Amino acid sequence: MIGQFWLFVNVKQAARLGHVGWGFMLEDETFMFGATDHLYRHHEMDLPAWIDYMSVAPGEHTDWWCGYGTREEMLTAMSNSREHIWYHKAKAVKVANCDPGAGKKAAMFSQHCGWSVLSNNCVQQTWEIMRAYGADRVIPNPWENPFNLIPRVWFKSFEGETVQLNPDSR
């Protein structure tokens, strides 16, 4: 099966370092899409809250979410929602010999795997999903270049045509 993997970026999140989300085509040509948003819900000057924010244990709440739908429904959900972070841009690549079942299993696993700013953030979790799906053959491994662990930088290194979503998104 030839599938598609989508990478989404919000360029305003995480002190403008960015935040990424993911989407991929399933066997029936619909899409599964989502992210681990890990929202900061404290006053920006609350130092103890920032320290707590740096790591979330496996099984704890990380604002993970996912959806299913057509390509158009995915792009709409990723660019405008009241339930999660919005995204500004997206890129897609075709993936030969993709494994939607493995991608779905990795995506569902990310719901409970915790979160850590340095070792298990949105880039690493998205990478694990795309690797399971089979897109690691066409997308750069963020671990090979430390700068690719920054969501905005990794998005730029991702081959594919940029699709502009909601430029005014939060």
N, C-alpha and C. Protein backbone atom coordinates (compact mmCIF):
# COMPACT_ATOMS: atom_id res chain seq x y z
N MET A 1 0.85 -1.18 0.00
CA MET A 1 0.00 0.00 0.00
C MET A 1 0.89 1.24 0.00
N ILE A 2 0.52 2.22 -0.80
CA ILE A 2 1.19 3.52 -0.77
C ILE A 2 0.33 4.43 0.08
N GLY A 3 0.91 4.94 1.15
CA GLY A 3 0.18 5.80 2.08
C GLY A 3 0.73 7.21 2.07
N GLN A 4 0.27 7.98 3.03
CA GLN A 4 0.74 9.36 3.20
C GLN A 4 0.99 9.59 4.68
N PHE A 5 2.07 10.29 4.97
CA PHE A 5 2.32 10.75 6.34
C PHE A 5 2.37 12.26 6.31
N TRP A 6 1.65 12.89 7.24
CA TRP A 6 1.58 14.35 7.34
C TRP A 6 2.26 14.80 8.63
N LEU A 7 3.03 15.86 8.52
CA LEU A 7 3.64 16.52 9.68
C LEU A 7 3.04 17.92 9.76
N PHE A 8 2.56 18.29 10.93
CA PHE A 8 1.94 19.59 11.17
C PHE A 8 2.81 20.37 12.14
N VAL A 9 2.87 21.70 11.97
CA VAL A 9 3.66 22.52 12.89
C VAL A 9 2.85 23.76 13.30
N ASN A 10 2.94 24.05 14.60
CA ASN A 10 2.48 25.32 15.14
C ASN A 10 3.76 26.06 15.49
N VAL A 11 3.99 27.19 14.85
CA VAL A 11 5.25 27.91 15.02
C VAL A 11 5.27 28.83 16.25
N LYS A 12 4.14 28.98 16.92
CA LYS A 12 4.06 29.89 18.06
C LYS A 12 4.24 29.20 19.41
N GLN A 13 4.03 27.90 19.49
CA GLN A 13 4.09 27.19 20.76
C GLN A 13 5.53 27.07 21.26
N ALA A 14 5.68 26.73 22.54
CA ALA A 14 6.97 26.44 23.17
C ALA A 14 7.99 27.55 22.93
N ALA A 15 7.62 28.75 23.30
CA ALA A 15 8.50 29.91 23.16
C ALA A 15 8.98 30.07 21.71
N ARG A 16 8.09 29.78 20.79
CA ARG A 16 8.32 29.88 19.35
C ARG A 16 9.32 28.86 18.80
N LEU A 17 9.63 27.83 19.60
CA LEU A 17 10.42 26.71 19.09
C LEU A 17 9.53 25.79 18.26
N GLY A 18 8.22 25.88 18.53
CA GLY A 18 7.25 25.15 17.75
C GLY A 18 6.70 23.92 18.45
N HIS A 19 5.72 23.34 17.80
CA HIS A 19 5.07 22.12 18.27
C HIS A 19 4.61 21.36 17.04
N VAL A 20 4.78 20.04 17.03
CA VAL A 20 4.36 19.24 15.87
C VAL A 20 3.25 18.26 16.24
N GLY A 21 2.45 17.98 15.24
CA GLY A 21 1.43 16.95 15.30
C GLY A 21 1.59 16.07 14.07
N TRP A 22 0.77 15.06 13.97
CA TRP A 22 0.95 14.05 12.93
C TRP A 22 -0.38 13.62 12.33
N GLY A 23 -0.31 12.99 11.17
CA GLY A 23 -1.47 12.39 10.53
C GLY A 23 -0.99 11.38 9.51
N PHE A 24 -1.77 10.32 9.31
CA PHE A 24 -1.38 9.33 8.31
C PHE A 24 -2.60 8.62 7.75
N MET A 25 -2.43 8.14 6.52
CA MET A 25 -3.51 7.46 5.82
C MET A 25 -3.65 6.02 6.32
N LEU A 26 -4.89 5.62 6.53
CA LEU A 26 -5.21 4.25 6.92
C LEU A 26 -5.55 3.41 5.69
N GLU A 27 -5.80 2.13 5.90
CA GLU A 27 -6.09 1.21 4.80
C GLU A 27 -7.28 1.65 3.95
N ASP A 28 -8.29 2.25 4.58
CA ASP A 28 -9.51 2.65 3.85
C ASP A 28 -9.40 4.05 3.26
N GLU A 29 -8.18 4.61 3.24
CA GLU A 29 -7.86 5.93 2.70
C GLU A 29 -8.44 7.09 3.51
N THR A 30 -8.90 6.81 4.73
CA THR A 30 -9.19 7.89 5.67
C THR A 30 -7.90 8.14 6.44
N PHE A 31 -7.93 9.08 7.36
CA PHE A 31 -6.73 9.46 8.09
C PHE A 31 -6.95 9.39 9.60
N MET A 32 -5.88 9.05 10.29
CA MET A 32 -5.80 9.19 11.73
C MET A 32 -4.83 10.33 11.97
N PHE A 33 -5.15 11.23 12.89
CA PHE A 33 -4.32 12.41 13.12
C PHE A 33 -4.43 12.85 14.57
N GLY A 34 -3.42 13.57 15.05
CA GLY A 34 -3.46 14.05 16.42
C GLY A 34 -2.12 14.57 16.90
N ALA A 35 -1.98 14.63 18.23
CA ALA A 35 -0.76 15.16 18.84
C ALA A 35 -0.82 14.95 20.35
N THR A 36 0.34 15.11 20.95
CA THR A 36 0.44 15.23 22.40
C THR A 36 0.69 16.71 22.65
N ASP A 37 -0.34 17.45 22.98
CA ASP A 37 -0.23 18.90 23.10
C ASP A 37 0.50 19.36 24.35
N HIS A 38 0.40 18.62 25.44
CA HIS A 38 1.03 18.97 26.71
C HIS A 38 0.97 20.48 26.98
N LEU A 39 -0.23 20.94 27.25
CA LEU A 39 -0.48 22.37 27.46
C LEU A 39 0.03 22.85 28.80
N TYR A 40 0.53 24.08 28.82
CA TYR A 40 0.99 24.71 30.05
C TYR A 40 -0.16 25.53 30.60
N ARG A 41 -0.61 25.22 31.81
CA ARG A 41 -1.80 25.85 32.37
C ARG A 41 -1.51 26.67 33.63
N HIS A 42 -0.33 27.21 33.73
CA HIS A 42 0.05 27.96 34.92
C HIS A 42 0.54 29.35 34.52
N HIS A 43 0.65 30.22 35.50
CA HIS A 43 1.20 31.54 35.25
C HIS A 43 2.64 31.39 34.78
N GLU A 44 3.03 32.17 33.80
CA GLU A 44 4.38 32.02 33.22
C GLU A 44 5.51 32.30 34.20
N MET A 45 5.25 32.94 35.31
CA MET A 45 6.28 33.23 36.30
C MET A 45 6.32 32.21 37.44
N ASP A 46 5.53 31.15 37.33
CA ASP A 46 5.46 30.12 38.36
C ASP A 46 6.57 29.09 38.14
N LEU A 47 7.74 29.32 38.73
CA LEU A 47 8.91 28.46 38.52
C LEU A 47 8.67 27.01 38.93
N PRO A 48 8.08 26.71 40.08
CA PRO A 48 7.81 25.30 40.41
C PRO A 48 6.92 24.61 39.37
N ALA A 49 5.96 25.35 38.82
CA ALA A 49 5.09 24.76 37.78
C ALA A 49 5.89 24.46 36.52
N TRP A 50 6.85 25.32 36.17
CA TRP A 50 7.69 25.06 35.00
C TRP A 50 8.52 23.80 35.21
N ILE A 51 9.04 23.61 36.40
CA ILE A 51 9.83 22.42 36.70
C ILE A 51 8.96 21.17 36.58
N ASP A 52 7.75 21.22 37.14
CA ASP A 52 6.82 20.10 37.02
C ASP A 52 6.43 19.84 35.56
N TYR A 53 6.34 20.90 34.78
CA TYR A 53 5.95 20.81 33.37
C TYR A 53 6.98 20.06 32.52
N MET A 54 8.23 20.07 32.94
CA MET A 54 9.33 19.50 32.15
C MET A 54 9.21 17.99 31.95
N SER A 55 8.44 17.30 32.78
CA SER A 55 8.35 15.86 32.66
C SER A 55 6.99 15.37 33.20
N VAL A 56 6.39 14.46 32.46
CA VAL A 56 5.13 13.84 32.86
C VAL A 56 5.36 12.33 32.85
N ALA A 57 5.07 11.69 33.94
CA ALA A 57 5.28 10.24 34.05
C ALA A 57 4.35 9.47 33.11
N PRO A 58 4.79 8.31 32.63
CA PRO A 58 3.90 7.47 31.82
C PRO A 58 2.58 7.21 32.56
N GLY A 59 1.51 7.27 31.80
CA GLY A 59 0.18 7.05 32.36
C GLY A 59 -0.52 8.31 32.82
N GLU A 60 0.23 9.41 33.00
CA GLU A 60 -0.38 10.67 33.42
C GLU A 60 -0.87 11.44 32.19
N HIS A 61 -1.70 12.43 32.42
CA HIS A 61 -2.35 13.21 31.37
C HIS A 61 -1.36 14.12 30.64
N THR A 62 -1.33 14.04 29.30
CA THR A 62 -0.43 14.86 28.49
C THR A 62 -1.16 15.66 27.42
N ASP A 63 -2.47 15.76 27.51
CA ASP A 63 -3.28 16.44 26.50
C ASP A 63 -3.17 15.77 25.14
N TRP A 64 -2.99 14.45 25.15
CA TRP A 64 -2.97 13.67 23.91
C TRP A 64 -4.37 13.64 23.33
N TRP A 65 -4.47 13.67 22.03
CA TRP A 65 -5.76 13.56 21.36
C TRP A 65 -5.54 12.97 19.97
N CYS A 66 -6.60 12.45 19.39
CA CYS A 66 -6.54 12.01 18.00
C CYS A 66 -7.93 12.09 17.38
N GLY A 67 -7.95 12.08 16.08
CA GLY A 67 -9.19 12.09 15.34
C GLY A 67 -9.06 11.23 14.10
N TYR A 68 -10.19 11.01 13.44
CA TYR A 68 -10.25 10.21 12.21
C TYR A 68 -11.11 10.96 11.22
N GLY A 69 -10.76 10.87 9.95
CA GLY A 69 -11.59 11.49 8.93
C GLY A 69 -10.92 11.53 7.58
N THR A 70 -11.57 12.23 6.66
CA THR A 70 -11.02 12.41 5.33
C THR A 70 -9.83 13.37 5.40
N ARG A 71 -9.13 13.51 4.30
CA ARG A 71 -8.00 14.45 4.24
C ARG A 71 -8.49 15.86 4.61
N GLU A 72 -9.61 16.27 4.04
CA GLU A 72 -10.14 17.60 4.30
C GLU A 72 -10.55 17.77 5.77
N GLU A 73 -11.16 16.73 6.34
CA GLU A 73 -11.54 16.79 7.75
C GLU A 73 -10.30 16.88 8.64
N MET A 74 -9.24 16.16 8.26
CA MET A 74 -7.99 16.23 9.02
C MET A 74 -7.41 17.64 8.96
N LEU A 75 -7.33 18.22 7.77
CA LEU A 75 -6.75 19.55 7.63
C LEU A 75 -7.58 20.59 8.39
N THR A 76 -8.88 20.46 8.37
CA THR A 76 -9.76 21.38 9.12
C THR A 76 -9.54 21.22 10.61
N ALA A 77 -9.52 19.98 11.09
CA ALA A 77 -9.34 19.74 12.53
C ALA A 77 -7.98 20.23 13.01
N MET A 78 -6.95 20.05 12.21
CA MET A 78 -5.62 20.45 12.63
C MET A 78 -5.43 21.97 12.57
N SER A 79 -6.24 22.66 11.80
CA SER A 79 -6.06 24.10 11.65
C SER A 79 -7.04 24.94 12.45
N ASN A 80 -8.05 24.33 13.04
CA ASN A 80 -9.06 25.13 13.72
C ASN A 80 -9.90 24.24 14.63
N SER A 81 -9.64 24.31 15.92
CA SER A 81 -10.40 23.50 16.87
C SER A 81 -10.45 24.22 18.20
N ARG A 82 -11.49 23.96 18.95
CA ARG A 82 -11.58 24.49 20.31
C ARG A 82 -11.03 23.51 21.32
N GLU A 83 -10.62 22.34 20.86
CA GLU A 83 -10.22 21.26 21.77
C GLU A 83 -8.71 21.04 21.86
N HIS A 84 -7.92 21.60 20.94
CA HIS A 84 -6.48 21.35 20.95
C HIS A 84 -5.73 22.48 20.25
N ILE A 85 -4.42 22.38 20.25
CA ILE A 85 -3.57 23.36 19.57
C ILE A 85 -3.87 23.36 18.08
N TRP A 86 -3.83 24.52 17.48
CA TRP A 86 -4.00 24.66 16.04
C TRP A 86 -2.63 24.64 15.38
N TYR A 87 -2.62 24.34 14.12
CA TYR A 87 -1.37 24.26 13.36
C TYR A 87 -1.38 25.25 12.21
N HIS A 88 -0.21 25.79 11.91
CA HIS A 88 -0.05 26.81 10.87
C HIS A 88 0.26 26.22 9.50
N LYS A 89 1.06 25.16 9.49
CA LYS A 89 1.53 24.57 8.22
C LYS A 89 1.53 23.05 8.33
N ALA A 90 1.53 22.43 7.16
CA ALA A 90 1.62 20.97 7.09
C ALA A 90 2.46 20.59 5.88
N LYS A 91 3.06 19.41 5.96
CA LYS A 91 3.77 18.81 4.83
C LYS A 91 3.39 17.34 4.80
N ALA A 92 3.36 16.78 3.60
CA ALA A 92 3.03 15.36 3.46
C ALA A 92 4.04 14.68 2.56
N VAL A 93 4.26 13.41 2.83
CA VAL A 93 5.10 12.58 1.96
C VAL A 93 4.34 11.30 1.66
N LYS A 94 4.59 10.76 0.47
CA LYS A 94 4.06 9.45 0.14
C LYS A 94 4.97 8.40 0.75
N VAL A 95 4.36 7.33 1.23
CA VAL A 95 5.12 6.27 1.90
C VAL A 95 4.77 4.94 1.24
N ALA A 96 5.76 4.39 0.52
CA ALA A 96 5.58 3.08 -0.09
C ALA A 96 5.68 2.01 1.00
N ASN A 97 4.90 0.97 0.86
CA ASN A 97 4.92 -0.15 1.81
C ASN A 97 4.68 0.31 3.25
N CYS A 98 3.74 1.23 3.42
CA CYS A 98 3.44 1.72 4.77
C CYS A 98 2.73 0.64 5.58
N ASP A 99 2.71 0.83 6.88
CA ASP A 99 2.05 -0.11 7.78
C ASP A 99 1.09 0.67 8.67
N PRO A 100 -0.14 0.94 8.19
CA PRO A 100 -1.09 1.71 8.98
C PRO A 100 -1.39 1.11 10.34
N GLY A 101 -1.43 -0.21 10.44
CA GLY A 101 -1.70 -0.85 11.73
C GLY A 101 -0.63 -0.55 12.76
N ALA A 102 0.63 -0.61 12.33
CA ALA A 102 1.74 -0.29 13.24
C ALA A 102 1.73 1.19 13.59
N GLY A 103 1.40 2.06 12.62
CA GLY A 103 1.30 3.49 12.90
C GLY A 103 0.22 3.79 13.92
N LYS A 104 -0.92 3.15 13.75
CA LYS A 104 -2.04 3.34 14.70
C LYS A 104 -1.66 2.85 16.09
N LYS A 105 -0.99 1.69 16.15
CA LYS A 105 -0.57 1.16 17.45
C LYS A 105 0.41 2.11 18.13
N ALA A 106 1.36 2.66 17.39
CA ALA A 106 2.33 3.62 17.97
C ALA A 106 1.63 4.90 18.41
N ALA A 107 0.67 5.37 17.61
CA ALA A 107 -0.07 6.58 17.98
C ALA A 107 -0.85 6.35 19.27
N MET A 108 -1.51 5.22 19.38
CA MET A 108 -2.28 4.93 20.59
C MET A 108 -1.35 4.76 21.79
N PHE A 109 -0.17 4.19 21.59
CA PHE A 109 0.80 4.04 22.68
C PHE A 109 1.25 5.41 23.21
N SER A 110 1.38 6.38 22.30
CA SER A 110 1.84 7.72 22.72
C SER A 110 0.86 8.39 23.69
N GLN A 111 -0.37 7.91 23.72
CA GLN A 111 -1.36 8.47 24.65
C GLN A 111 -0.96 8.25 26.10
N HIS A 112 -0.23 7.18 26.38
CA HIS A 112 0.09 6.82 27.77
C HIS A 112 1.59 6.80 28.07
N CYS A 113 2.42 7.28 27.16
CA CYS A 113 3.87 7.13 27.33
C CYS A 113 4.53 8.28 28.07
N GLY A 114 3.75 9.23 28.58
CA GLY A 114 4.33 10.35 29.31
C GLY A 114 4.86 11.41 28.36
N TRP A 115 5.68 12.29 28.90
CA TRP A 115 6.23 13.40 28.13
C TRP A 115 7.44 13.93 28.87
N SER A 116 8.47 14.31 28.13
CA SER A 116 9.66 14.93 28.72
C SER A 116 10.24 15.90 27.70
N VAL A 117 10.62 17.06 28.17
CA VAL A 117 11.09 18.11 27.27
C VAL A 117 12.33 17.68 26.49
N LEU A 118 13.20 16.88 27.07
CA LEU A 118 14.45 16.53 26.41
C LEU A 118 14.47 15.15 25.75
N SER A 119 13.59 14.25 26.16
CA SER A 119 13.72 12.89 25.65
C SER A 119 12.43 12.23 25.19
N ASN A 120 11.29 12.90 25.31
CA ASN A 120 10.03 12.29 24.92
C ASN A 120 9.00 13.37 24.60
N ASN A 121 9.42 14.36 23.81
CA ASN A 121 8.51 15.46 23.51
C ASN A 121 7.75 15.21 22.20
N CYS A 122 7.12 16.23 21.66
CA CYS A 122 6.28 16.05 20.47
C CYS A 122 7.07 15.55 19.27
N VAL A 123 8.33 15.98 19.13
CA VAL A 123 9.14 15.51 18.01
C VAL A 123 9.43 14.02 18.14
N GLN A 124 9.90 13.61 19.32
CA GLN A 124 10.23 12.20 19.49
C GLN A 124 9.00 11.30 19.36
N GLN A 125 7.88 11.73 19.91
CA GLN A 125 6.67 10.91 19.81
C GLN A 125 6.17 10.83 18.37
N THR A 126 6.22 11.94 17.65
CA THR A 126 5.82 11.93 16.24
C THR A 126 6.77 11.05 15.42
N TRP A 127 8.06 11.12 15.73
CA TRP A 127 9.05 10.29 15.03
C TRP A 127 8.73 8.80 15.23
N GLU A 128 8.38 8.41 16.44
CA GLU A 128 8.08 7.00 16.70
C GLU A 128 6.85 6.54 15.90
N ILE A 129 5.87 7.43 15.76
CA ILE A 129 4.67 7.09 14.98
C ILE A 129 5.04 6.96 13.51
N MET A 130 5.80 7.93 12.99
CA MET A 130 6.15 7.86 11.57
C MET A 130 7.09 6.70 11.27
N ARG A 131 7.94 6.34 12.24
CA ARG A 131 8.83 5.20 12.06
C ARG A 131 8.00 3.90 11.99
N ALA A 132 7.04 3.76 12.88
CA ALA A 132 6.18 2.58 12.86
C ALA A 132 5.38 2.50 11.56
N TYR A 133 4.93 3.64 11.06
CA TYR A 133 4.15 3.70 9.82
C TYR A 133 5.01 3.35 8.60
N GLY A 134 6.32 3.61 8.72
CA GLY A 134 7.23 3.33 7.61
C GLY A 134 7.76 4.58 6.94
N ALA A 135 7.43 5.75 7.48
CA ALA A 135 7.87 7.00 6.87
C ALA A 135 9.30 7.37 7.24
N ASP A 136 9.93 6.62 8.13
CA ASP A 136 11.31 6.93 8.51
C ASP A 136 12.26 6.77 7.34
N ARG A 137 11.84 6.10 6.28
CA ARG A 137 12.68 5.95 5.09
C ARG A 137 12.72 7.23 4.27
N VAL A 138 11.76 8.14 4.48
CA VAL A 138 11.68 9.37 3.68
C VAL A 138 11.71 10.64 4.52
N ILE A 139 11.78 10.51 5.82
CA ILE A 139 11.78 11.66 6.73
C ILE A 139 13.03 11.61 7.59
N PRO A 140 13.71 12.75 7.79
CA PRO A 140 14.95 12.72 8.57
C PRO A 140 14.73 12.34 10.04
N ASN A 141 15.61 11.48 10.53
CA ASN A 141 15.58 11.07 11.92
C ASN A 141 16.02 12.26 12.78
N PRO A 142 15.17 12.73 13.68
CA PRO A 142 15.54 13.91 14.47
C PRO A 142 16.73 13.66 15.39
N TRP A 143 17.01 12.41 15.72
CA TRP A 143 18.13 12.11 16.61
C TRP A 143 19.48 12.24 15.90
N GLU A 144 19.49 12.26 14.56
CA GLU A 144 20.74 12.35 13.83
C GLU A 144 21.29 13.77 13.78
N ASN A 145 20.46 14.75 14.01
CA ASN A 145 20.87 16.15 14.07
C ASN A 145 20.17 16.78 15.27
N PRO A 146 20.90 17.14 16.32
CA PRO A 146 20.26 17.66 17.53
C PRO A 146 19.34 18.85 17.28
N PHE A 147 19.63 19.64 16.25
CA PHE A 147 18.77 20.79 15.96
C PHE A 147 17.39 20.33 15.47
N ASN A 148 17.31 19.13 14.90
CA ASN A 148 16.01 18.61 14.45
C ASN A 148 15.11 18.23 15.61
N LEU A 149 15.61 18.25 16.83
CA LEU A 149 14.75 18.02 17.99
C LEU A 149 13.93 19.27 18.32
N ILE A 150 14.22 20.37 17.63
CA ILE A 150 13.42 21.59 17.73
C ILE A 150 12.33 21.48 16.66
N PRO A 151 11.06 21.51 17.07
CA PRO A 151 9.97 21.25 16.12
C PRO A 151 10.02 22.09 14.83
N ARG A 152 10.27 23.40 14.93
CA ARG A 152 10.30 24.25 13.73
C ARG A 152 11.42 23.84 12.79
N VAL A 153 12.57 23.49 13.34
CA VAL A 153 13.72 23.08 12.53
C VAL A 153 13.43 21.75 11.84
N TRP A 154 12.90 20.80 12.60
CA TRP A 154 12.59 19.49 12.02
C TRP A 154 11.57 19.63 10.89
N PHE A 155 10.55 20.46 11.10
CA PHE A 155 9.55 20.67 10.06
C PHE A 155 10.21 21.18 8.78
N LYS A 156 11.14 22.12 8.91
CA LYS A 156 11.82 22.65 7.72
C LYS A 156 12.63 21.58 7.01
N SER A 157 13.19 20.63 7.75
CA SER A 157 14.02 19.59 7.13
C SER A 157 13.19 18.49 6.48
N PHE A 158 11.92 18.48 6.74
CA PHE A 158 10.98 17.48 6.22
C PHE A 158 10.72 17.80 4.76
N GLU A 159 11.05 16.87 3.85
CA GLU A 159 10.81 17.07 2.42
C GLU A 159 9.31 17.03 2.16
N GLY A 160 8.86 17.86 1.28
CA GLY A 160 7.45 17.87 0.92
C GLY A 160 6.98 19.30 0.72
N GLU A 161 5.93 19.44 -0.02
CA GLU A 161 5.37 20.76 -0.29
C GLU A 161 4.61 21.26 0.93
N THR A 162 4.85 22.51 1.30
CA THR A 162 4.18 23.10 2.46
C THR A 162 2.75 23.48 2.10
N VAL A 163 1.83 23.09 2.98
CA VAL A 163 0.42 23.48 2.86
C VAL A 163 0.17 24.49 3.97
N GLN A 164 -0.24 25.69 3.62
CA GLN A 164 -0.58 26.72 4.60
C GLN A 164 -1.94 26.38 5.20
N LEU A 165 -2.02 26.38 6.51
CA LEU A 165 -3.29 26.15 7.18
C LEU A 165 -3.79 27.49 7.69
N ASN A 166 -4.21 27.56 8.92
CA ASN A 166 -4.74 28.80 9.50
C ASN A 166 -3.59 29.68 9.99
N PRO A 167 -3.23 30.75 9.28
CA PRO A 167 -2.10 31.58 9.70
C PRO A 167 -2.35 32.32 11.02
N ASP A 168 -3.61 32.47 11.41
CA ASP A 168 -3.93 33.18 12.65
C ASP A 168 -4.14 32.25 13.81
N SER A 169 -3.80 30.98 13.63
CA SER A 169 -4.06 30.01 14.68
C SER A 169 -3.21 30.29 15.90
N ARG A 170 -3.72 29.85 17.04
CA ARG A 170 -3.05 30.12 18.30
C ARG A 170 -1.91 29.18 18.55
